[in-house]
Amino acid sequence: MKKNKKDHPFFKEDSSEKMALFDERKTTEKNKKQQRSHAKEKKREVAIPSIAEILPIQDMTEEGSFQLKGDTGYMDVMQLQSKDIYSPSTQETEYDIMKMAKFFQSYAPDIKIVSMNFPVNMKKQLGAINYKIAQNKAPLYERFLIRKREELHFLETYRTNREFYLYIYATSLKQLAEYRNNCRRYLGRVAPVIELTDEKKLDLLYKLYNQNSKLEKRG
């Protein structure tokens, strides 16, 4: 009688499973437990309750400048009057480029130029149109005035102006006034500096830190 091949001692298989020297399943489960325990122990970071704690600005001075936190100095904002870059001749464009390059070379303190979109202010135009409509007595002309008023409302609602602002920094108010005069002198012809009201500066800061929001109509 022939013996089965599996009965041969060379081909005999052990019926009992041998214990593995390294069980990956147990190690993975142990790591997951440790991660969960560490996550519970780690406290959640407390969110800052106010945006005032994030802004680097501490207060607004009587002159309209901004005092920075931590006695780091002062800051002021001025608007740069934009100009048409396509109409001037080549000589005028090269002159403007040369003057701007000279300004950046001669002005050593920190500056920042920021461009932002602001809503179009049509308050004066709308006031004039409403006055004409109230004084008008011709029905045909009134239709023209009403259409013009609708166009102004459309521009005020859906159009924005691209405006450019110059941020200057100094360690004291006296130094800040000196830097402000230097900017007026160097940029007088290329990009004249426009002084901003306190309300416009506050609107600018609000828009800068809330870029998805829309400003209310300014007077």
N, C-alpha and C. Protein backbone atom coordinates (compact mmCIF):
# COMPACT_ATOMS: atom_id res chain seq x y z
N MET A 1 0.85 -1.18 0.00
CA MET A 1 0.00 0.00 0.00
C MET A 1 0.90 1.25 0.00
N LYS A 2 0.61 2.11 -0.99
CA LYS A 2 1.42 3.31 -1.10
C LYS A 2 0.98 4.35 -0.10
N LYS A 3 1.95 4.98 0.48
CA LYS A 3 1.66 6.05 1.42
C LYS A 3 1.38 7.35 0.67
N ASN A 4 0.49 8.08 1.22
CA ASN A 4 0.19 9.40 0.62
C ASN A 4 1.43 10.30 0.73
N LYS A 5 1.57 11.16 -0.26
CA LYS A 5 2.74 12.02 -0.31
C LYS A 5 2.80 12.95 0.89
N LYS A 6 1.61 13.36 1.37
CA LYS A 6 1.55 14.27 2.51
C LYS A 6 1.94 13.59 3.81
N ASP A 7 1.86 12.20 3.83
CA ASP A 7 2.24 11.49 5.04
C ASP A 7 3.74 11.38 5.22
N HIS A 8 4.48 11.69 4.18
CA HIS A 8 5.93 11.62 4.28
C HIS A 8 6.42 12.68 5.25
N PRO A 9 7.38 12.34 6.09
CA PRO A 9 7.87 13.33 7.09
C PRO A 9 8.39 14.62 6.48
N PHE A 10 8.89 14.56 5.22
CA PHE A 10 9.44 15.75 4.60
C PHE A 10 8.36 16.75 4.23
N PHE A 11 7.14 16.21 3.89
CA PHE A 11 6.03 17.06 3.47
C PHE A 11 5.01 17.29 4.57
N LYS A 12 5.30 16.84 5.75
CA LYS A 12 4.34 16.95 6.83
C LYS A 12 4.22 18.41 7.28
N GLU A 13 2.98 18.95 7.40
CA GLU A 13 2.72 20.32 7.80
C GLU A 13 2.34 20.36 9.27
N ASP A 14 2.78 21.38 9.95
CA ASP A 14 2.41 21.56 11.35
C ASP A 14 0.99 22.06 11.42
N SER A 15 0.20 21.40 12.24
CA SER A 15 -1.21 21.79 12.39
C SER A 15 -1.38 23.01 13.27
N SER A 16 -0.44 23.24 14.16
CA SER A 16 -0.56 24.38 15.09
C SER A 16 0.18 25.58 14.50
N GLU A 17 -0.45 26.77 14.57
CA GLU A 17 0.16 27.99 14.05
C GLU A 17 1.22 28.52 15.03
N LYS A 18 2.33 28.83 14.47
CA LYS A 18 3.39 29.36 15.29
C LYS A 18 3.16 30.85 15.55
N MET A 19 3.53 31.31 16.69
CA MET A 19 3.35 32.72 17.07
C MET A 19 4.34 33.58 16.27
N ALA A 20 3.81 34.64 15.67
CA ALA A 20 4.65 35.53 14.87
C ALA A 20 5.53 36.35 15.80
N LEU A 21 6.74 36.59 15.31
CA LEU A 21 7.66 37.39 16.11
C LEU A 21 7.26 38.87 16.12
N PHE A 22 6.61 39.37 15.01
CA PHE A 22 6.23 40.78 14.92
C PHE A 22 4.84 40.87 14.32
N ASP A 23 3.88 41.29 15.11
CA ASP A 23 2.49 41.39 14.67
C ASP A 23 2.20 42.85 14.33
N GLU A 24 2.03 43.17 13.01
CA GLU A 24 1.80 44.55 12.59
C GLU A 24 0.45 45.06 13.05
N ARG A 25 -0.54 44.17 13.15
CA ARG A 25 -1.87 44.62 13.55
C ARG A 25 -1.86 45.17 14.97
N LYS A 26 -1.19 44.49 15.85
CA LYS A 26 -1.13 44.95 17.23
C LYS A 26 -0.39 46.27 17.34
N THR A 27 0.69 46.44 16.54
CA THR A 27 1.45 47.70 16.58
C THR A 27 0.62 48.86 16.06
N THR A 28 -0.15 48.64 14.98
CA THR A 28 -0.99 49.70 14.42
C THR A 28 -2.06 50.13 15.40
N GLU A 29 -2.71 49.15 16.04
CA GLU A 29 -3.74 49.48 17.02
C GLU A 29 -3.15 50.25 18.20
N LYS A 30 -1.94 49.87 18.61
CA LYS A 30 -1.30 50.55 19.72
C LYS A 30 -0.98 52.00 19.37
N ASN A 31 -0.52 52.23 18.12
CA ASN A 31 -0.21 53.59 17.68
C ASN A 31 -1.47 54.45 17.62
N LYS A 32 -2.57 53.87 17.17
CA LYS A 32 -3.82 54.62 17.11
C LYS A 32 -4.30 55.02 18.49
N LYS A 33 -4.16 54.11 19.45
CA LYS A 33 -4.57 54.43 20.82
C LYS A 33 -3.71 55.56 21.38
N GLN A 34 -2.41 55.50 21.09
CA GLN A 34 -1.53 56.56 21.58
C GLN A 34 -1.87 57.91 20.96
N GLN A 35 -2.19 57.90 19.65
CA GLN A 35 -2.55 59.15 18.99
C GLN A 35 -3.84 59.73 19.56
N ARG A 36 -4.82 58.87 19.84
CA ARG A 36 -6.07 59.35 20.43
C ARG A 36 -5.85 59.92 21.81
N SER A 37 -4.98 59.28 22.59
CA SER A 37 -4.72 59.78 23.94
C SER A 37 -3.99 61.11 23.90
N HIS A 38 -3.04 61.26 22.94
CA HIS A 38 -2.32 62.53 22.81
C HIS A 38 -3.25 63.64 22.34
N ALA A 39 -4.20 63.29 21.47
CA ALA A 39 -5.14 64.30 20.98
C ALA A 39 -6.04 64.79 22.10
N LYS A 40 -6.42 63.91 23.01
CA LYS A 40 -7.26 64.32 24.13
C LYS A 40 -6.47 65.21 25.09
N GLU A 41 -5.19 64.86 25.29
CA GLU A 41 -4.39 65.64 26.21
C GLU A 41 -4.10 67.04 25.68
N LYS A 42 -3.96 67.17 24.35
CA LYS A 42 -3.65 68.47 23.77
C LYS A 42 -4.87 69.38 23.84
N LYS A 43 -4.70 70.53 24.43
CA LYS A 43 -5.80 71.46 24.59
C LYS A 43 -6.01 72.23 23.29
N ARG A 44 -7.24 72.58 23.05
CA ARG A 44 -7.59 73.34 21.86
C ARG A 44 -7.17 74.79 22.05
N GLU A 45 -6.54 75.37 20.99
CA GLU A 45 -6.08 76.75 21.07
C GLU A 45 -7.27 77.69 21.12
N VAL A 46 -7.17 78.67 21.97
CA VAL A 46 -8.26 79.63 22.15
C VAL A 46 -8.18 80.68 21.05
N ALA A 47 -9.31 80.92 20.37
CA ALA A 47 -9.35 81.92 19.31
C ALA A 47 -9.31 83.32 19.90
N ILE A 48 -8.68 84.22 19.16
CA ILE A 48 -8.59 85.60 19.61
C ILE A 48 -9.98 86.23 19.52
N PRO A 49 -10.49 86.81 20.61
CA PRO A 49 -11.88 87.27 20.61
C PRO A 49 -12.11 88.53 19.80
N SER A 50 -11.09 89.34 19.57
CA SER A 50 -11.29 90.63 18.91
C SER A 50 -10.26 90.84 17.82
N ILE A 51 -10.70 91.49 16.71
CA ILE A 51 -9.78 91.80 15.62
C ILE A 51 -8.78 92.87 16.04
N ALA A 52 -9.13 93.65 17.06
CA ALA A 52 -8.22 94.70 17.53
C ALA A 52 -6.92 94.14 18.08
N GLU A 53 -6.95 92.90 18.55
CA GLU A 53 -5.73 92.28 19.07
C GLU A 53 -4.82 91.79 17.95
N ILE A 54 -5.36 91.67 16.74
CA ILE A 54 -4.56 91.21 15.61
C ILE A 54 -3.94 92.38 14.86
N LEU A 55 -4.68 93.47 14.74
CA LEU A 55 -4.19 94.62 13.99
C LEU A 55 -2.96 95.22 14.64
N PRO A 56 -2.01 95.66 13.85
CA PRO A 56 -0.80 96.28 14.42
C PRO A 56 -1.03 97.73 14.86
N ILE A 57 -2.23 98.27 14.64
CA ILE A 57 -2.51 99.67 14.94
C ILE A 57 -3.10 99.78 16.34
N GLN A 58 -2.58 100.72 17.10
CA GLN A 58 -3.05 100.94 18.46
C GLN A 58 -4.07 102.07 18.56
N ASP A 59 -3.79 103.20 17.92
CA ASP A 59 -4.68 104.34 18.05
C ASP A 59 -4.44 105.29 16.88
N MET A 60 -5.35 106.26 16.74
CA MET A 60 -5.24 107.30 15.72
C MET A 60 -4.93 108.62 16.40
N THR A 61 -3.90 109.30 15.95
CA THR A 61 -3.48 110.55 16.58
C THR A 61 -4.37 111.70 16.14
N GLU A 62 -4.18 112.85 16.76
CA GLU A 62 -4.95 114.03 16.41
C GLU A 62 -4.64 114.53 15.00
N GLU A 63 -3.43 114.28 14.53
CA GLU A 63 -3.05 114.70 13.18
C GLU A 63 -3.57 113.77 12.09
N GLY A 64 -4.18 112.65 12.48
CA GLY A 64 -4.70 111.71 11.50
C GLY A 64 -3.77 110.56 11.18
N SER A 65 -2.63 110.46 11.88
CA SER A 65 -1.72 109.34 11.69
C SER A 65 -2.12 108.19 12.60
N PHE A 66 -1.46 107.06 12.44
CA PHE A 66 -1.76 105.86 13.21
C PHE A 66 -0.57 105.50 14.08
N GLN A 67 -0.84 105.27 15.34
CA GLN A 67 0.20 104.82 16.27
C GLN A 67 0.22 103.30 16.29
N LEU A 68 1.39 102.73 16.09
CA LEU A 68 1.53 101.28 16.03
C LEU A 68 1.72 100.71 17.43
N LYS A 69 1.44 99.44 17.59
CA LYS A 69 1.54 98.77 18.88
C LYS A 69 3.00 98.55 19.28
N GLY A 70 3.19 98.41 20.57
CA GLY A 70 4.50 98.06 21.08
C GLY A 70 5.56 99.13 20.90
N ASP A 71 5.16 100.39 20.84
CA ASP A 71 6.12 101.49 20.66
C ASP A 71 7.02 101.28 19.45
N THR A 72 6.42 100.73 18.38
CA THR A 72 7.20 100.49 17.15
C THR A 72 7.19 101.67 16.19
N GLY A 73 6.42 102.71 16.50
CA GLY A 73 6.45 103.89 15.66
C GLY A 73 5.07 104.31 15.20
N TYR A 74 5.04 105.02 14.06
CA TYR A 74 3.81 105.59 13.53
C TYR A 74 3.70 105.28 12.04
N MET A 75 2.48 105.39 11.55
CA MET A 75 2.20 105.11 10.15
C MET A 75 1.21 106.12 9.62
N ASP A 76 1.34 106.46 8.35
CA ASP A 76 0.39 107.35 7.70
C ASP A 76 0.11 106.84 6.30
N VAL A 77 -1.04 107.21 5.77
CA VAL A 77 -1.47 106.76 4.45
C VAL A 77 -1.81 107.98 3.60
N MET A 78 -1.32 107.99 2.37
CA MET A 78 -1.63 109.03 1.41
C MET A 78 -2.01 108.40 0.08
N GLN A 79 -2.87 109.06 -0.64
CA GLN A 79 -3.30 108.54 -1.94
C GLN A 79 -2.42 109.10 -3.04
N LEU A 80 -2.07 108.24 -3.99
CA LEU A 80 -1.30 108.65 -5.15
C LEU A 80 -2.24 108.90 -6.32
N GLN A 81 -2.16 110.07 -6.88
CA GLN A 81 -3.03 110.39 -8.01
C GLN A 81 -2.56 109.64 -9.25
N SER A 82 -3.42 108.81 -9.78
CA SER A 82 -3.05 108.01 -10.95
C SER A 82 -3.13 108.86 -12.22
N LYS A 83 -2.52 108.36 -13.27
CA LYS A 83 -2.50 109.10 -14.54
C LYS A 83 -2.58 108.12 -15.70
N ASP A 84 -2.92 108.63 -16.85
CA ASP A 84 -3.03 107.82 -18.05
C ASP A 84 -1.63 107.47 -18.55
N ILE A 85 -1.36 106.18 -18.69
CA ILE A 85 -0.03 105.75 -19.12
C ILE A 85 0.02 105.46 -20.62
N TYR A 86 -1.11 105.61 -21.33
CA TYR A 86 -1.14 105.30 -22.76
C TYR A 86 -1.08 106.56 -23.63
N SER A 87 -1.65 107.66 -23.16
CA SER A 87 -1.68 108.88 -23.96
C SER A 87 -0.34 109.60 -24.04
N PRO A 88 0.46 109.68 -22.96
CA PRO A 88 1.71 110.44 -23.03
C PRO A 88 2.68 109.88 -24.08
N SER A 89 3.60 110.75 -24.47
CA SER A 89 4.61 110.35 -25.45
C SER A 89 5.67 109.47 -24.79
N THR A 90 6.56 108.94 -25.60
CA THR A 90 7.63 108.08 -25.09
C THR A 90 8.56 108.85 -24.17
N GLN A 91 8.84 110.11 -24.50
CA GLN A 91 9.73 110.92 -23.67
C GLN A 91 9.11 111.17 -22.30
N GLU A 92 7.82 111.46 -22.25
CA GLU A 92 7.15 111.69 -20.97
C GLU A 92 7.12 110.43 -20.12
N THR A 93 6.89 109.29 -20.76
CA THR A 93 6.87 108.03 -20.02
C THR A 93 8.25 107.72 -19.46
N GLU A 94 9.29 107.91 -20.23
CA GLU A 94 10.64 107.67 -19.74
C GLU A 94 11.00 108.62 -18.61
N TYR A 95 10.53 109.86 -18.69
CA TYR A 95 10.79 110.81 -17.61
C TYR A 95 10.11 110.37 -16.32
N ASP A 96 8.87 109.89 -16.42
CA ASP A 96 8.16 109.42 -15.23
C ASP A 96 8.86 108.21 -14.61
N ILE A 97 9.33 107.31 -15.46
CA ILE A 97 10.05 106.14 -14.96
C ILE A 97 11.34 106.55 -14.26
N MET A 98 12.03 107.53 -14.83
CA MET A 98 13.27 108.00 -14.22
C MET A 98 13.01 108.66 -12.86
N LYS A 99 11.93 109.46 -12.77
CA LYS A 99 11.60 110.12 -11.52
C LYS A 99 11.19 109.11 -10.44
N MET A 100 10.44 108.09 -10.82
CA MET A 100 10.06 107.05 -9.86
C MET A 100 11.28 106.27 -9.39
N ALA A 101 12.17 105.96 -10.30
CA ALA A 101 13.40 105.26 -9.92
C ALA A 101 14.24 106.11 -8.98
N LYS A 102 14.30 107.40 -9.23
CA LYS A 102 15.05 108.29 -8.35
C LYS A 102 14.40 108.36 -6.97
N PHE A 103 13.08 108.32 -6.93
CA PHE A 103 12.39 108.34 -5.64
C PHE A 103 12.72 107.11 -4.82
N PHE A 104 12.68 105.94 -5.44
CA PHE A 104 12.98 104.70 -4.71
C PHE A 104 14.45 104.64 -4.28
N GLN A 105 15.33 105.27 -5.03
CA GLN A 105 16.73 105.27 -4.65
C GLN A 105 17.04 106.25 -3.52
N SER A 106 16.38 107.38 -3.53
CA SER A 106 16.67 108.42 -2.55
C SER A 106 15.87 108.29 -1.26
N TYR A 107 14.73 107.61 -1.32
CA TYR A 107 13.89 107.48 -0.12
C TYR A 107 14.27 106.18 0.58
N ALA A 108 15.00 106.28 1.68
CA ALA A 108 15.52 105.10 2.36
C ALA A 108 14.52 104.42 3.29
N PRO A 109 13.62 105.14 4.01
CA PRO A 109 12.72 104.46 4.97
C PRO A 109 11.77 103.48 4.28
N ASP A 110 11.10 102.68 5.11
CA ASP A 110 10.16 101.68 4.60
C ASP A 110 8.91 102.36 4.05
N ILE A 111 8.45 101.87 2.92
CA ILE A 111 7.21 102.34 2.32
C ILE A 111 6.47 101.13 1.76
N LYS A 112 5.21 101.35 1.45
CA LYS A 112 4.40 100.29 0.86
C LYS A 112 3.35 100.95 -0.03
N ILE A 113 3.22 100.47 -1.26
CA ILE A 113 2.22 100.97 -2.20
C ILE A 113 1.16 99.89 -2.38
N VAL A 114 -0.08 100.23 -2.10
CA VAL A 114 -1.19 99.28 -2.13
C VAL A 114 -2.24 99.81 -3.10
N SER A 115 -2.74 98.96 -3.97
CA SER A 115 -3.84 99.31 -4.87
C SER A 115 -5.10 98.59 -4.42
N MET A 116 -6.21 99.32 -4.38
CA MET A 116 -7.47 98.76 -3.92
C MET A 116 -8.61 99.32 -4.76
N ASN A 117 -9.71 98.57 -4.81
CA ASN A 117 -10.90 99.00 -5.52
C ASN A 117 -11.90 99.59 -4.52
N PHE A 118 -12.36 100.80 -4.82
CA PHE A 118 -13.34 101.46 -3.98
C PHE A 118 -14.60 101.75 -4.79
N PRO A 119 -15.76 101.75 -4.15
CA PRO A 119 -17.00 102.04 -4.88
C PRO A 119 -17.02 103.46 -5.42
N VAL A 120 -17.67 103.62 -6.55
CA VAL A 120 -17.79 104.93 -7.18
C VAL A 120 -18.79 105.77 -6.39
N ASN A 121 -18.41 106.99 -6.07
CA ASN A 121 -19.27 107.90 -5.31
C ASN A 121 -19.99 108.82 -6.29
N MET A 122 -21.29 108.65 -6.44
CA MET A 122 -22.10 109.44 -7.36
C MET A 122 -23.08 110.34 -6.62
N LYS A 123 -22.76 110.71 -5.40
CA LYS A 123 -23.70 111.49 -4.59
C LYS A 123 -23.95 112.87 -5.21
N LYS A 124 -22.90 113.56 -5.64
CA LYS A 124 -23.07 114.89 -6.21
C LYS A 124 -23.84 114.83 -7.53
N GLN A 125 -23.50 113.85 -8.37
CA GLN A 125 -24.19 113.74 -9.66
C GLN A 125 -25.66 113.39 -9.47
N LEU A 126 -25.95 112.49 -8.53
CA LEU A 126 -27.34 112.13 -8.27
C LEU A 126 -28.11 113.30 -7.69
N GLY A 127 -27.46 114.09 -6.84
CA GLY A 127 -28.14 115.26 -6.29
C GLY A 127 -28.49 116.27 -7.36
N ALA A 128 -27.58 116.47 -8.33
CA ALA A 128 -27.86 117.40 -9.41
C ALA A 128 -28.99 116.90 -10.31
N ILE A 129 -28.99 115.61 -10.60
CA ILE A 129 -30.05 115.04 -11.45
C ILE A 129 -31.40 115.11 -10.74
N ASN A 130 -31.43 114.80 -9.47
CA ASN A 130 -32.70 114.86 -8.73
C ASN A 130 -33.23 116.29 -8.67
N TYR A 131 -32.33 117.26 -8.56
CA TYR A 131 -32.75 118.67 -8.55
C TYR A 131 -33.35 119.06 -9.90
N LYS A 132 -32.73 118.61 -10.99
CA LYS A 132 -33.26 118.92 -12.31
C LYS A 132 -34.61 118.25 -12.55
N ILE A 133 -34.76 117.03 -12.03
CA ILE A 133 -36.04 116.34 -12.20
C ILE A 133 -37.14 117.07 -11.43
N ALA A 134 -36.80 117.56 -10.24
CA ALA A 134 -37.81 118.28 -9.44
C ALA A 134 -38.19 119.61 -10.09
N GLN A 135 -37.25 120.27 -10.77
CA GLN A 135 -37.53 121.56 -11.40
C GLN A 135 -38.04 121.44 -12.83
N ASN A 136 -37.96 120.27 -13.41
CA ASN A 136 -38.32 120.09 -14.81
C ASN A 136 -39.84 120.10 -14.99
N LYS A 137 -40.28 120.65 -16.12
CA LYS A 137 -41.71 120.70 -16.46
C LYS A 137 -41.99 120.12 -17.84
N ALA A 138 -40.96 119.64 -18.53
CA ALA A 138 -41.14 119.06 -19.86
C ALA A 138 -41.15 117.55 -19.75
N PRO A 139 -42.24 116.86 -20.12
CA PRO A 139 -42.32 115.39 -19.98
C PRO A 139 -41.24 114.65 -20.78
N LEU A 140 -40.92 115.13 -22.00
CA LEU A 140 -39.92 114.44 -22.81
C LEU A 140 -38.53 114.53 -22.17
N TYR A 141 -38.20 115.70 -21.67
CA TYR A 141 -36.90 115.88 -21.03
C TYR A 141 -36.79 115.10 -19.72
N GLU A 142 -37.93 114.91 -19.05
CA GLU A 142 -37.93 114.15 -17.79
C GLU A 142 -37.55 112.69 -18.02
N ARG A 143 -37.98 112.13 -19.13
CA ARG A 143 -37.60 110.75 -19.44
C ARG A 143 -36.10 110.63 -19.60
N PHE A 144 -35.48 111.62 -20.23
CA PHE A 144 -34.03 111.61 -20.38
C PHE A 144 -33.33 111.71 -19.02
N LEU A 145 -33.84 112.56 -18.14
CA LEU A 145 -33.23 112.72 -16.82
C LEU A 145 -33.37 111.45 -15.97
N ILE A 146 -34.52 110.81 -16.05
CA ILE A 146 -34.72 109.57 -15.28
C ILE A 146 -33.78 108.47 -15.78
N ARG A 147 -33.58 108.40 -17.08
CA ARG A 147 -32.65 107.41 -17.62
C ARG A 147 -31.22 107.69 -17.17
N LYS A 148 -30.87 108.97 -17.16
CA LYS A 148 -29.53 109.34 -16.68
C LYS A 148 -29.35 108.98 -15.21
N ARG A 149 -30.38 109.17 -14.40
CA ARG A 149 -30.29 108.81 -12.99
C ARG A 149 -30.12 107.31 -12.82
N GLU A 150 -30.79 106.52 -13.63
CA GLU A 150 -30.63 105.06 -13.55
C GLU A 150 -29.20 104.64 -13.91
N GLU A 151 -28.60 105.32 -14.88
CA GLU A 151 -27.22 105.01 -15.24
C GLU A 151 -26.26 105.32 -14.08
N LEU A 152 -26.51 106.43 -13.39
CA LEU A 152 -25.66 106.77 -12.25
C LEU A 152 -25.83 105.77 -11.12
N HIS A 153 -27.05 105.32 -10.88
CA HIS A 153 -27.29 104.29 -9.86
C HIS A 153 -26.56 103.00 -10.22
N PHE A 154 -26.54 102.65 -11.50
CA PHE A 154 -25.85 101.43 -11.94
C PHE A 154 -24.34 101.55 -11.69
N LEU A 155 -23.78 102.72 -12.04
CA LEU A 155 -22.34 102.91 -11.82
C LEU A 155 -22.00 102.85 -10.34
N GLU A 156 -22.81 103.43 -9.50
CA GLU A 156 -22.54 103.45 -8.07
C GLU A 156 -22.67 102.07 -7.45
N THR A 157 -23.51 101.22 -8.04
CA THR A 157 -23.75 99.89 -7.47
C THR A 157 -22.76 98.85 -7.98
N TYR A 158 -22.40 98.90 -9.25
CA TYR A 158 -21.65 97.80 -9.86
C TYR A 158 -20.24 98.17 -10.31
N ARG A 159 -19.85 99.42 -10.26
CA ARG A 159 -18.53 99.80 -10.72
C ARG A 159 -17.66 100.26 -9.55
N THR A 160 -16.36 100.09 -9.70
CA THR A 160 -15.41 100.51 -8.67
C THR A 160 -14.26 101.28 -9.33
N ASN A 161 -13.60 102.07 -8.53
CA ASN A 161 -12.41 102.81 -8.96
C ASN A 161 -11.16 102.14 -8.39
N ARG A 162 -10.12 102.00 -9.22
CA ARG A 162 -8.84 101.50 -8.75
C ARG A 162 -8.03 102.68 -8.21
N GLU A 163 -7.73 102.62 -6.92
CA GLU A 163 -7.02 103.71 -6.26
C GLU A 163 -5.71 103.17 -5.69
N PHE A 164 -4.70 104.04 -5.62
CA PHE A 164 -3.37 103.65 -5.16
C PHE A 164 -3.02 104.47 -3.92
N TYR A 165 -2.45 103.78 -2.92
CA TYR A 165 -2.16 104.41 -1.64
C TYR A 165 -0.72 104.14 -1.25
N LEU A 166 -0.12 105.14 -0.61
CA LEU A 166 1.27 105.07 -0.17
C LEU A 166 1.30 105.03 1.35
N TYR A 167 1.86 103.96 1.91
CA TYR A 167 2.02 103.80 3.36
C TYR A 167 3.46 104.19 3.72
N ILE A 168 3.59 105.10 4.68
CA ILE A 168 4.92 105.50 5.15
C ILE A 168 5.00 105.24 6.65
N TYR A 169 6.22 104.96 7.14
CA TYR A 169 6.44 104.58 8.53
C TYR A 169 7.58 105.42 9.10
N ALA A 170 7.49 105.72 10.41
CA ALA A 170 8.52 106.50 11.09
C ALA A 170 8.48 106.17 12.57
N THR A 171 9.55 106.55 13.27
CA THR A 171 9.64 106.27 14.70
C THR A 171 8.99 107.35 15.55
N SER A 172 8.76 108.53 14.98
CA SER A 172 8.14 109.63 15.73
C SER A 172 7.25 110.43 14.79
N LEU A 173 6.37 111.26 15.38
CA LEU A 173 5.48 112.09 14.56
C LEU A 173 6.27 113.15 13.79
N LYS A 174 7.31 113.67 14.39
CA LYS A 174 8.13 114.67 13.71
C LYS A 174 8.82 114.05 12.49
N GLN A 175 9.35 112.86 12.67
CA GLN A 175 9.98 112.17 11.55
C GLN A 175 8.96 111.80 10.48
N LEU A 176 7.76 111.44 10.91
CA LEU A 176 6.71 111.09 9.95
C LEU A 176 6.33 112.30 9.10
N ALA A 177 6.24 113.49 9.70
CA ALA A 177 5.95 114.70 8.94
C ALA A 177 7.05 115.01 7.93
N GLU A 178 8.29 114.74 8.32
CA GLU A 178 9.42 114.96 7.40
C GLU A 178 9.35 114.01 6.22
N TYR A 179 9.05 112.75 6.49
CA TYR A 179 8.93 111.78 5.41
C TYR A 179 7.76 112.14 4.49
N ARG A 180 6.69 112.65 5.06
CA ARG A 180 5.53 113.03 4.26
C ARG A 180 5.88 114.17 3.30
N ASN A 181 6.64 115.13 3.78
CA ASN A 181 7.06 116.23 2.91
C ASN A 181 8.01 115.74 1.82
N ASN A 182 8.87 114.79 2.15
CA ASN A 182 9.78 114.24 1.13
C ASN A 182 9.01 113.53 0.02
N CYS A 183 7.98 112.82 0.39
CA CYS A 183 7.17 112.13 -0.62
C CYS A 183 6.46 113.13 -1.51
N ARG A 184 5.97 114.21 -0.93
CA ARG A 184 5.33 115.25 -1.75
C ARG A 184 6.33 115.86 -2.74
N ARG A 185 7.53 116.07 -2.28
CA ARG A 185 8.53 116.72 -3.13
C ARG A 185 9.01 115.79 -4.24
N TYR A 186 9.27 114.55 -3.94
CA TYR A 186 9.81 113.63 -4.94
C TYR A 186 8.74 113.19 -5.95
N LEU A 187 7.50 113.04 -5.50
CA LEU A 187 6.44 112.53 -6.37
C LEU A 187 5.52 113.63 -6.88
N GLY A 188 5.96 114.87 -6.79
CA GLY A 188 5.09 115.99 -7.13
C GLY A 188 4.54 115.95 -8.53
N ARG A 189 5.36 115.60 -9.52
CA ARG A 189 4.92 115.61 -10.90
C ARG A 189 4.51 114.22 -11.40
N VAL A 190 5.20 113.20 -10.96
CA VAL A 190 4.92 111.85 -11.46
C VAL A 190 3.60 111.31 -10.91
N ALA A 191 3.47 111.33 -9.57
CA ALA A 191 2.26 110.84 -8.92
C ALA A 191 1.96 111.74 -7.73
N PRO A 192 1.28 112.85 -7.97
CA PRO A 192 1.00 113.80 -6.88
C PRO A 192 0.30 113.13 -5.70
N VAL A 193 0.72 113.53 -4.50
CA VAL A 193 0.18 112.95 -3.28
C VAL A 193 -1.10 113.69 -2.89
N ILE A 194 -2.14 112.94 -2.53
CA ILE A 194 -3.42 113.50 -2.13
C ILE A 194 -3.63 113.18 -0.65
N GLU A 195 -3.88 114.21 0.15
CA GLU A 195 -4.14 114.02 1.57
C GLU A 195 -5.53 113.39 1.75
N LEU A 196 -5.62 112.45 2.68
CA LEU A 196 -6.87 111.74 2.94
C LEU A 196 -7.51 112.24 4.23
N THR A 197 -8.83 112.21 4.25
CA THR A 197 -9.54 112.55 5.48
C THR A 197 -9.47 111.36 6.45
N ASP A 198 -9.77 111.64 7.70
CA ASP A 198 -9.75 110.56 8.70
C ASP A 198 -10.77 109.48 8.36
N GLU A 199 -11.92 109.89 7.83
CA GLU A 199 -12.95 108.91 7.47
C GLU A 199 -12.47 108.01 6.34
N LYS A 200 -11.79 108.60 5.35
CA LYS A 200 -11.29 107.80 4.23
C LYS A 200 -10.20 106.83 4.70
N LYS A 201 -9.36 107.24 5.63
CA LYS A 201 -8.32 106.35 6.16
C LYS A 201 -8.94 105.16 6.90
N LEU A 202 -9.99 105.43 7.67
CA LEU A 202 -10.65 104.35 8.38
C LEU A 202 -11.35 103.40 7.40
N ASP A 203 -11.95 103.97 6.35
CA ASP A 203 -12.54 103.12 5.32
C ASP A 203 -11.49 102.27 4.63
N LEU A 204 -10.33 102.86 4.43
CA LEU A 204 -9.23 102.12 3.78
C LEU A 204 -8.77 100.95 4.63
N LEU A 205 -8.61 101.17 5.93
CA LEU A 205 -8.21 100.08 6.82
C LEU A 205 -9.28 99.00 6.90
N TYR A 206 -10.53 99.43 6.96
CA TYR A 206 -11.62 98.45 7.01
C TYR A 206 -11.63 97.59 5.74
N LYS A 207 -11.48 98.22 4.60
CA LYS A 207 -11.47 97.48 3.34
C LYS A 207 -10.25 96.58 3.23
N LEU A 208 -9.12 97.04 3.77
CA LEU A 208 -7.89 96.25 3.69
C LEU A 208 -8.00 94.96 4.48
N TYR A 209 -8.65 95.00 5.64
CA TYR A 209 -8.77 93.81 6.48
C TYR A 209 -10.11 93.09 6.31
N ASN A 210 -10.97 93.60 5.42
CA ASN A 210 -12.24 92.94 5.08
C ASN A 210 -12.44 93.08 3.57
N GLN A 211 -11.62 92.37 2.82
CA GLN A 211 -11.58 92.58 1.38
C GLN A 211 -12.83 92.07 0.66
N ASN A 212 -13.56 91.16 1.26
CA ASN A 212 -14.78 90.65 0.63
C ASN A 212 -16.01 91.49 0.93
N SER A 213 -15.87 92.48 1.80
CA SER A 213 -17.00 93.32 2.17
C SER A 213 -17.11 94.51 1.22
N LYS A 214 -18.26 95.16 1.27
CA LYS A 214 -18.51 96.33 0.44
C LYS A 214 -18.76 97.52 1.35
N LEU A 215 -18.08 98.62 1.03
CA LEU A 215 -18.22 99.82 1.86
C LEU A 215 -19.55 100.50 1.60
N GLU A 216 -20.04 101.17 2.62
CA GLU A 216 -21.23 101.97 2.45
C GLU A 216 -20.87 103.24 1.67
N LYS A 217 -21.89 103.92 1.22
CA LYS A 217 -21.68 105.14 0.47
C LYS A 217 -21.06 106.20 1.36
N ARG A 218 -20.02 106.83 0.87
CA ARG A 218 -19.35 107.88 1.62
C ARG A 218 -19.79 109.23 1.11
N GLY A 219 -19.89 110.19 2.04
CA GLY A 219 -20.28 111.53 1.63
C GLY A 219 -19.11 112.33 1.08
